[in-house]
PDB file of all heavy atoms in Angstrom:
ATOM      1  N   PHE A   1      -2.476 -11.636 -29.523  1.00  0.00           N
ATOM      2  CA  PHE A   1      -1.116 -11.414 -28.991  1.00  0.00           C
ATOM      3  C   PHE A   1      -1.250 -11.405 -27.446  1.00  0.00           C
ATOM      4  O   PHE A   1      -2.257 -11.010 -26.885  1.00  0.00           O
ATOM      5  CB  PHE A   1      -0.599 -10.062 -29.414  1.00  0.00           C
ATOM      6  CG  PHE A   1      -0.388  -9.899 -30.888  1.00  0.00           C
ATOM      7  CD1 PHE A   1      -1.463  -9.828 -31.776  1.00  0.00           C
ATOM      8  CD2 PHE A   1       0.928  -9.831 -31.426  1.00  0.00           C
ATOM      9  CE1 PHE A   1      -1.256  -9.680 -33.149  1.00  0.00           C
ATOM     10  CE2 PHE A   1       1.101  -9.670 -32.780  1.00  0.00           C
ATOM     11  CZ  PHE A   1       0.011  -9.605 -33.642  1.00  0.00           C
ATOM     12  N   THR A   2      -0.174 -11.829 -26.794  1.00  0.00           N
ATOM     13  CA  THR A   2      -0.093 -11.703 -25.361  1.00  0.00           C
ATOM     14  C   THR A   2       1.348 -11.459 -24.960  1.00  0.00           C
ATOM     15  O   THR A   2       2.254 -11.342 -25.816  1.00  0.00           O
ATOM     16  CB  THR A   2      -0.720 -12.902 -24.641  1.00  0.00           C
ATOM     17  OG1 THR A   2      -0.920 -12.614 -23.278  1.00  0.00           O
ATOM     18  CG2 THR A   2       0.135 -14.159 -24.824  1.00  0.00           C
ATOM     19  N   HIS A   3       1.625 -11.407 -23.669  1.00  0.00           N
ATOM     20  CA  HIS A   3       2.882 -10.850 -23.174  1.00  0.00           C
ATOM     21  C   HIS A   3       4.026 -11.851 -23.032  1.00  0.00           C
ATOM     22  O   HIS A   3       3.810 -13.072 -23.054  1.00  0.00           O
ATOM     23  CB  HIS A   3       2.658 -10.145 -21.818  1.00  0.00           C
ATOM     24  CG  HIS A   3       2.089 -11.053 -20.777  1.00  0.00           C
ATOM     25  ND1 HIS A   3       2.799 -11.975 -20.093  1.00  0.00           N
ATOM     26  CD2 HIS A   3       0.826 -11.095 -20.253  1.00  0.00           C
ATOM     27  CE1 HIS A   3       2.029 -12.616 -19.224  1.00  0.00           C
ATOM     28  NE2 HIS A   3       0.813 -12.100 -19.285  1.00  0.00           N
ATOM     29  N   LEU A   4       5.202 -11.343 -22.900  1.00  0.00           N
ATOM     30  CA  LEU A   4       6.397 -12.126 -22.597  1.00  0.00           C
ATOM     31  C   LEU A   4       6.190 -12.909 -21.315  1.00  0.00           C
ATOM     32  O   LEU A   4       5.390 -12.523 -20.456  1.00  0.00           O
ATOM     33  CB  LEU A   4       7.584 -11.198 -22.420  1.00  0.00           C
ATOM     34  CG  LEU A   4       8.337 -10.669 -23.647  1.00  0.00           C
ATOM     35  CD1 LEU A   4       9.215  -9.517 -23.228  1.00  0.00           C
ATOM     36  CD2 LEU A   4       9.195 -11.768 -24.273  1.00  0.00           C
ATOM     37  N   ASN A   5       6.968 -13.987 -21.149  1.00  0.00           N
ATOM     38  CA  ASN A   5       6.903 -14.799 -19.916  1.00  0.00           C
ATOM     39  C   ASN A   5       5.451 -15.138 -19.616  1.00  0.00           C
ATOM     40  O   ASN A   5       4.938 -14.791 -18.517  1.00  0.00           O
ATOM     41  CB  ASN A   5       7.574 -14.050 -18.781  1.00  0.00           C
ATOM     42  CG  ASN A   5       9.045 -13.738 -19.067  1.00  0.00           C
ATOM     43  OD1 ASN A   5       9.763 -14.625 -19.504  1.00  0.00           O
ATOM     44  ND2 ASN A   5       9.434 -12.513 -18.809  1.00  0.00           N
ATOM     45  N   MET A   6       4.825 -15.832 -20.518  1.00  0.00           N
ATOM     46  CA  MET A   6       3.391 -16.056 -20.422  1.00  0.00           C
ATOM     47  C   MET A   6       2.983 -16.888 -19.231  1.00  0.00           C
ATOM     48  O   MET A   6       3.606 -17.898 -18.875  1.00  0.00           O
ATOM     49  CB  MET A   6       2.933 -16.798 -21.699  1.00  0.00           C
ATOM     50  CG  MET A   6       3.216 -16.057 -22.974  1.00  0.00           C
ATOM     51  SD  MET A   6       2.981 -17.107 -24.439  1.00  0.00           S
ATOM     52  CE  MET A   6       4.301 -18.321 -24.225  1.00  0.00           C
ATOM     53  N   ASP A   7       1.932 -16.437 -18.559  1.00  0.00           N
ATOM     54  CA  ASP A   7       1.358 -17.155 -17.440  1.00  0.00           C
ATOM     55  C   ASP A   7       0.061 -17.813 -17.902  1.00  0.00           C
ATOM     56  O   ASP A   7      -0.304 -17.738 -19.073  1.00  0.00           O
ATOM     57  CB  ASP A   7       1.113 -16.233 -16.243  1.00  0.00           C
ATOM     58  CG  ASP A   7       0.285 -14.988 -16.626  1.00  0.00           C
ATOM     59  OD1 ASP A   7      -0.365 -15.010 -17.698  1.00  0.00           O
ATOM     60  OD2 ASP A   7       0.250 -14.027 -15.851  1.00  0.00           O
ATOM     61  N   ALA A   8      -0.642 -18.464 -16.959  1.00  0.00           N
ATOM     62  CA  ALA A   8      -1.839 -19.192 -17.338  1.00  0.00           C
ATOM     63  C   ALA A   8      -2.955 -18.240 -17.827  1.00  0.00           C
ATOM     64  O   ALA A   8      -3.748 -18.633 -18.678  1.00  0.00           O
ATOM     65  CB  ALA A   8      -2.343 -20.001 -16.186  1.00  0.00           C
ATOM     66  N   ASP A   9      -3.023 -17.032 -17.321  1.00  0.00           N
ATOM     67  CA  ASP A   9      -4.038 -16.091 -17.787  1.00  0.00           C
ATOM     68  C   ASP A   9      -3.796 -15.690 -19.212  1.00  0.00           C
ATOM     69  O   ASP A   9      -4.717 -15.700 -20.028  1.00  0.00           O
ATOM     70  CB  ASP A   9      -4.031 -14.829 -16.876  1.00  0.00           C
ATOM     71  CG  ASP A   9      -5.246 -13.977 -17.076  1.00  0.00           C
ATOM     72  OD1 ASP A   9      -6.266 -14.471 -17.572  1.00  0.00           O
ATOM     73  OD2 ASP A   9      -5.191 -12.780 -16.703  1.00  0.00           O
ATOM     74  N   ALA A  10      -2.530 -15.427 -19.540  1.00  0.00           N
ATOM     75  CA  ALA A  10      -2.185 -15.071 -20.925  1.00  0.00           C
ATOM     76  C   ALA A  10      -2.464 -16.195 -21.879  1.00  0.00           C
ATOM     77  O   ALA A  10      -3.133 -16.019 -22.934  1.00  0.00           O
ATOM     78  CB  ALA A  10      -0.719 -14.651 -21.004  1.00  0.00           C
ATOM     79  N   VAL A  11      -2.001 -17.366 -21.537  1.00  0.00           N
ATOM     80  CA  VAL A  11      -2.168 -18.554 -22.440  1.00  0.00           C
ATOM     81  C   VAL A  11      -3.629 -18.997 -22.504  1.00  0.00           C
ATOM     82  O   VAL A  11      -4.180 -19.218 -23.590  1.00  0.00           O
ATOM     83  CB  VAL A  11      -1.266 -19.695 -21.977  1.00  0.00           C
ATOM     84  CG1 VAL A  11      -1.491 -20.940 -22.848  1.00  0.00           C
ATOM     85  CG2 VAL A  11       0.196 -19.325 -21.986  1.00  0.00           C
ATOM     86  N   GLY A  12      -4.268 -19.119 -21.344  1.00  0.00           N
ATOM     87  CA  GLY A  12      -5.641 -19.581 -21.302  1.00  0.00           C
ATOM     88  C   GLY A  12      -6.596 -18.639 -22.013  1.00  0.00           C
ATOM     89  O   GLY A  12      -7.457 -19.090 -22.793  1.00  0.00           O
ATOM     90  N   SER A  13      -6.467 -17.299 -21.777  1.00  0.00           N
ATOM     91  CA  SER A  13      -7.373 -16.376 -22.396  1.00  0.00           C
ATOM     92  C   SER A  13      -7.194 -16.312 -23.890  1.00  0.00           C
ATOM     93  O   SER A  13      -8.175 -16.326 -24.635  1.00  0.00           O
ATOM     94  CB  SER A  13      -7.125 -14.987 -21.783  1.00  0.00           C
ATOM     95  OG  SER A  13      -7.444 -14.952 -20.412  1.00  0.00           O
ATOM     96  N   SER A  14      -5.941 -16.281 -24.335  1.00  0.00           N
ATOM     97  CA  SER A  14      -5.690 -16.157 -25.759  1.00  0.00           C
ATOM     98  C   SER A  14      -6.088 -17.428 -26.532  1.00  0.00           C
ATOM     99  O   SER A  14      -6.688 -17.349 -27.613  1.00  0.00           O
ATOM    100  CB  SER A  14      -4.200 -15.841 -26.042  1.00  0.00           C
ATOM    101  OG  SER A  14      -3.362 -16.826 -25.531  1.00  0.00           O
ATOM    102  N   CYS A  15      -5.826 -18.605 -25.930  1.00  0.00           N
ATOM    103  CA  CYS A  15      -6.185 -19.837 -26.597  1.00  0.00           C
ATOM    104  C   CYS A  15      -7.709 -20.032 -26.661  1.00  0.00           C
ATOM    105  O   CYS A  15      -8.258 -20.587 -27.639  1.00  0.00           O
ATOM    106  CB  CYS A  15      -5.500 -21.021 -25.927  1.00  0.00           C
ATOM    107  SG  CYS A  15      -3.731 -21.114 -26.273  1.00  0.00           S
ATOM    108  N   ALA A  16      -8.410 -19.648 -25.603  1.00  0.00           N
ATOM    109  CA  ALA A  16      -9.857 -19.729 -25.580  1.00  0.00           C
ATOM    110  C   ALA A  16     -10.464 -18.877 -26.697  1.00  0.00           C
ATOM    111  O   ALA A  16     -11.379 -19.290 -27.412  1.00  0.00           O
ATOM    112  CB  ALA A  16     -10.419 -19.283 -24.235  1.00  0.00           C
ATOM    113  N   LEU A  17      -9.906 -17.699 -26.897  1.00  0.00           N
ATOM    114  CA  LEU A  17     -10.385 -16.785 -27.964  1.00  0.00           C
ATOM    115  C   LEU A  17     -10.181 -17.447 -29.302  1.00  0.00           C
ATOM    116  O   LEU A  17     -11.126 -17.473 -30.160  1.00  0.00           O
ATOM    117  CB  LEU A  17      -9.608 -15.452 -27.893  1.00  0.00           C
ATOM    118  CG  LEU A  17     -10.095 -14.483 -26.853  1.00  0.00           C
ATOM    119  CD1 LEU A  17      -9.033 -13.414 -26.626  1.00  0.00           C
ATOM    120  CD2 LEU A  17     -11.436 -13.858 -27.223  1.00  0.00           C
ATOM    121  N   VAL A  18      -8.978 -17.944 -29.589  1.00  0.00           N
ATOM    122  CA  VAL A  18      -8.728 -18.524 -30.930  1.00  0.00           C
ATOM    123  C   VAL A  18      -9.570 -19.760 -31.182  1.00  0.00           C
ATOM    124  O   VAL A  18     -10.090 -19.933 -32.290  1.00  0.00           O
ATOM    125  CB  VAL A  18      -7.217 -18.834 -31.082  1.00  0.00           C
ATOM    126  CG1 VAL A  18      -6.971 -19.696 -32.320  1.00  0.00           C
ATOM    127  CG2 VAL A  18      -6.419 -17.550 -31.156  1.00  0.00           C
ATOM    128  N   ARG A  19      -9.757 -20.571 -30.160  1.00  0.00           N
ATOM    129  CA  ARG A  19     -10.581 -21.753 -30.309  1.00  0.00           C
ATOM    130  C   ARG A  19     -12.020 -21.355 -30.738  1.00  0.00           C
ATOM    131  O   ARG A  19     -12.574 -21.954 -31.665  1.00  0.00           O
ATOM    132  CB  ARG A  19     -10.635 -22.537 -28.974  1.00  0.00           C
ATOM    133  CG  ARG A  19     -11.334 -23.862 -29.066  1.00  0.00           C
ATOM    134  CD  ARG A  19     -11.457 -24.495 -27.703  1.00  0.00           C
ATOM    135  NE  ARG A  19     -10.167 -24.818 -27.137  1.00  0.00           N
ATOM    136  CZ  ARG A  19      -9.552 -25.963 -27.278  1.00  0.00           C
ATOM    137  NH1 ARG A  19     -10.110 -26.906 -28.010  1.00  0.00           N
ATOM    138  NH2 ARG A  19      -8.399 -26.192 -26.702  1.00  0.00           N
ATOM    139  N   GLU A  20     -12.554 -20.311 -30.096  1.00  0.00           N
ATOM    140  CA  GLU A  20     -13.914 -19.930 -30.428  1.00  0.00           C
ATOM    141  C   GLU A  20     -13.987 -19.149 -31.759  1.00  0.00           C
ATOM    142  O   GLU A  20     -14.982 -19.279 -32.506  1.00  0.00           O
ATOM    143  CB  GLU A  20     -14.513 -19.084 -29.280  1.00  0.00           C
ATOM    144  CG  GLU A  20     -14.704 -19.867 -28.000  1.00  0.00           C
ATOM    145  CD  GLU A  20     -15.538 -21.124 -28.196  1.00  0.00           C
ATOM    146  OE1 GLU A  20     -16.555 -21.087 -28.930  1.00  0.00           O
ATOM    147  OE2 GLU A  20     -15.186 -22.215 -27.670  1.00  0.00           O
ATOM    148  N   PHE A  21     -12.969 -18.340 -32.055  1.00  0.00           N
ATOM    149  CA  PHE A  21     -12.936 -17.684 -33.346  1.00  0.00           C
ATOM    150  C   PHE A  21     -12.957 -18.690 -34.515  1.00  0.00           C
ATOM    151  O   PHE A  21     -13.645 -18.483 -35.520  1.00  0.00           O
ATOM    152  CB  PHE A  21     -11.734 -16.751 -33.462  1.00  0.00           C
ATOM    153  CG  PHE A  21     -11.817 -15.548 -32.582  1.00  0.00           C
ATOM    154  CD1 PHE A  21     -10.593 -14.910 -32.179  1.00  0.00           C
ATOM    155  CD2 PHE A  21     -12.986 -15.060 -32.111  1.00  0.00           C
ATOM    156  CE1 PHE A  21     -10.655 -13.766 -31.402  1.00  0.00           C
ATOM    157  CE2 PHE A  21     -13.028 -13.901 -31.308  1.00  0.00           C
ATOM    158  CZ  PHE A  21     -11.836 -13.258 -30.939  1.00  0.00           C
ATOM    159  N   ARG A  22     -12.224 -19.766 -34.321  1.00  0.00           N
ATOM    160  CA  ARG A  22     -12.149 -20.773 -35.383  1.00  0.00           C
ATOM    161  C   ARG A  22     -13.483 -21.494 -35.537  1.00  0.00           C
ATOM    162  O   ARG A  22     -13.896 -21.831 -36.612  1.00  0.00           O
ATOM    163  CB  ARG A  22     -11.043 -21.777 -35.061  1.00  0.00           C
ATOM    164  CG  ARG A  22      -9.633 -21.236 -35.248  1.00  0.00           C
ATOM    165  CD  ARG A  22      -8.600 -22.311 -35.109  1.00  0.00           C
ATOM    166  NE  ARG A  22      -7.266 -21.795 -35.252  1.00  0.00           N
ATOM    167  CZ  ARG A  22      -6.160 -22.572 -35.076  1.00  0.00           C
ATOM    168  NH1 ARG A  22      -6.283 -23.882 -34.791  1.00  0.00           N
ATOM    169  NH2 ARG A  22      -4.960 -22.055 -35.243  1.00  0.00           N
ATOM    170  N   ARG A  23     -14.175 -21.675 -34.431  1.00  0.00           N
ATOM    171  CA  ARG A  23     -15.488 -22.288 -34.490  1.00  0.00           C
ATOM    172  C   ARG A  23     -16.485 -21.413 -35.267  1.00  0.00           C
ATOM    173  O   ARG A  23     -17.474 -21.909 -35.835  1.00  0.00           O
ATOM    174  CB  ARG A  23     -16.056 -22.567 -33.093  1.00  0.00           C
ATOM    175  CG  ARG A  23     -15.343 -23.681 -32.332  1.00  0.00           C
ATOM    176  CD  ARG A  23     -15.935 -23.841 -30.947  1.00  0.00           C
ATOM    177  NE  ARG A  23     -17.344 -24.303 -31.052  1.00  0.00           N
ATOM    178  CZ  ARG A  23     -18.288 -23.985 -30.165  1.00  0.00           C
ATOM    179  NH1 ARG A  23     -18.024 -23.157 -29.166  1.00  0.00           N
ATOM    180  NH2 ARG A  23     -19.463 -24.443 -30.313  1.00  0.00           N
ATOM    181  N   LEU A  24     -16.182 -20.089 -35.291  1.00  0.00           N
ATOM    182  CA  LEU A  24     -17.052 -19.156 -36.059  1.00  0.00           C
ATOM    183  C   LEU A  24     -16.581 -19.091 -37.518  1.00  0.00           C
ATOM    184  O   LEU A  24     -17.115 -18.277 -38.297  1.00  0.00           O
ATOM    185  CB  LEU A  24     -16.979 -17.759 -35.427  1.00  0.00           C
ATOM    186  CG  LEU A  24     -17.575 -17.620 -34.047  1.00  0.00           C
ATOM    187  CD1 LEU A  24     -17.362 -16.220 -33.490  1.00  0.00           C
ATOM    188  CD2 LEU A  24     -19.074 -17.924 -34.071  1.00  0.00           C
ATOM    189  N   GLY A  25     -15.561 -19.867 -37.849  1.00  0.00           N
ATOM    190  CA  GLY A  25     -15.090 -19.882 -39.282  1.00  0.00           C
ATOM    191  C   GLY A  25     -14.054 -18.851 -39.593  1.00  0.00           C
ATOM    192  O   GLY A  25     -13.750 -18.621 -40.766  1.00  0.00           O
ATOM    193  N   LYS A  26     -13.476 -18.246 -38.579  1.00  0.00           N
ATOM    194  CA  LYS A  26     -12.468 -17.206 -38.832  1.00  0.00           C
ATOM    195  C   LYS A  26     -11.080 -17.796 -38.873  1.00  0.00           C
ATOM    196  O   LYS A  26     -10.805 -18.814 -38.156  1.00  0.00           O
ATOM    197  CB  LYS A  26     -12.533 -16.121 -37.708  1.00  0.00           C
ATOM    198  CG  LYS A  26     -13.901 -15.487 -37.585  1.00  0.00           C
ATOM    199  CD  LYS A  26     -13.939 -14.505 -36.461  1.00  0.00           C
ATOM    200  CE  LYS A  26     -15.368 -13.947 -36.235  1.00  0.00           C
ATOM    201  NZ  LYS A  26     -15.871 -13.272 -37.391  1.00  0.00           N
ATOM    202  N   LYS A  27     -10.176 -17.197 -39.612  1.00  0.00           N
ATOM    203  CA  LYS A  27      -8.770 -17.575 -39.586  1.00  0.00           C
ATOM    204  C   LYS A  27      -8.130 -16.923 -38.388  1.00  0.00           C
ATOM    205  O   LYS A  27      -8.163 -15.670 -38.317  1.00  0.00           O
ATOM    206  CB  LYS A  27      -8.083 -17.147 -40.881  1.00  0.00           C
ATOM    207  CG  LYS A  27      -6.648 -17.671 -40.988  1.00  0.00           C
ATOM    208  CD  LYS A  27      -6.057 -17.317 -42.365  1.00  0.00           C
ATOM    209  CE  LYS A  27      -4.640 -17.889 -42.515  1.00  0.00           C
ATOM    210  NZ  LYS A  27      -4.044 -17.531 -43.815  1.00  0.00           N
ATOM    211  N   SER A  28      -7.635 -17.680 -37.474  1.00  0.00           N
ATOM    212  CA  SER A  28      -7.148 -17.118 -36.224  1.00  0.00           C
ATOM    213  C   SER A  28      -6.030 -17.939 -35.607  1.00  0.00           C
ATOM    214  O   SER A  28      -6.031 -19.186 -35.675  1.00  0.00           O
ATOM    215  CB  SER A  28      -8.299 -17.012 -35.205  1.00  0.00           C
ATOM    216  OG  SER A  28      -7.915 -16.312 -34.065  1.00  0.00           O
ATOM    217  N   TRP A  29      -5.069 -17.243 -35.001  1.00  0.00           N
ATOM    218  CA  TRP A  29      -3.940 -17.870 -34.305  1.00  0.00           C
ATOM    219  C   TRP A  29      -3.564 -17.006 -33.111  1.00  0.00           C
ATOM    220  O   TRP A  29      -3.754 -15.808 -33.108  1.00  0.00           O
ATOM    221  CB  TRP A  29      -2.696 -17.972 -35.204  1.00  0.00           C
ATOM    222  CG  TRP A  29      -2.808 -18.888 -36.354  1.00  0.00           C
ATOM    223  CD1 TRP A  29      -3.308 -18.646 -37.595  1.00  0.00           C
ATOM    224  CD2 TRP A  29      -2.417 -20.256 -36.377  1.00  0.00           C
ATOM    225  NE1 TRP A  29      -3.242 -19.733 -38.389  1.00  0.00           N
ATOM    226  CE2 TRP A  29      -2.680 -20.764 -37.678  1.00  0.00           C
ATOM    227  CE3 TRP A  29      -1.855 -21.113 -35.458  1.00  0.00           C
ATOM    228  CZ2 TRP A  29      -2.440 -22.079 -38.049  1.00  0.00           C
ATOM    229  CZ3 TRP A  29      -1.561 -22.430 -35.776  1.00  0.00           C
ATOM    230  CH2 TRP A  29      -1.872 -22.921 -37.073  1.00  0.00           C
ATOM    231  N   VAL A  30      -2.966 -17.618 -32.076  1.00  0.00           N
ATOM    232  CA  VAL A  30      -2.234 -16.905 -31.093  1.00  0.00           C
ATOM    233  C   VAL A  30      -0.808 -16.771 -31.563  1.00  0.00           C
ATOM    234  O   VAL A  30      -0.141 -17.752 -31.854  1.00  0.00           O
ATOM    235  CB  VAL A  30      -2.244 -17.623 -29.726  1.00  0.00           C
ATOM    236  CG1 VAL A  30      -1.491 -16.772 -28.677  1.00  0.00           C
ATOM    237  CG2 VAL A  30      -3.641 -17.914 -29.257  1.00  0.00           C
ATOM    238  N   LEU A  31      -0.298 -15.532 -31.692  1.00  0.00           N
ATOM    239  CA  LEU A  31       1.059 -15.308 -32.118  1.00  0.00           C
ATOM    240  C   LEU A  31       1.911 -15.005 -30.873  1.00  0.00           C
ATOM    241  O   LEU A  31       1.796 -13.960 -30.308  1.00  0.00           O
ATOM    242  CB  LEU A  31       1.136 -14.134 -33.103  1.00  0.00           C
ATOM    243  CG  LEU A  31       2.530 -13.779 -33.613  1.00  0.00           C
ATOM    244  CD1 LEU A  31       3.185 -14.976 -34.282  1.00  0.00           C
ATOM    245  CD2 LEU A  31       2.451 -12.577 -34.563  1.00  0.00           C
TER     246      LEU A  31
END
């Protein structure tokens, strides 16, 4: 999860996490 009115830190950090979680075989999304 991240905040309203998303900036690059919110989007970049959350998407990097989900990308790597999926590489580990986990079910993951940014909501």
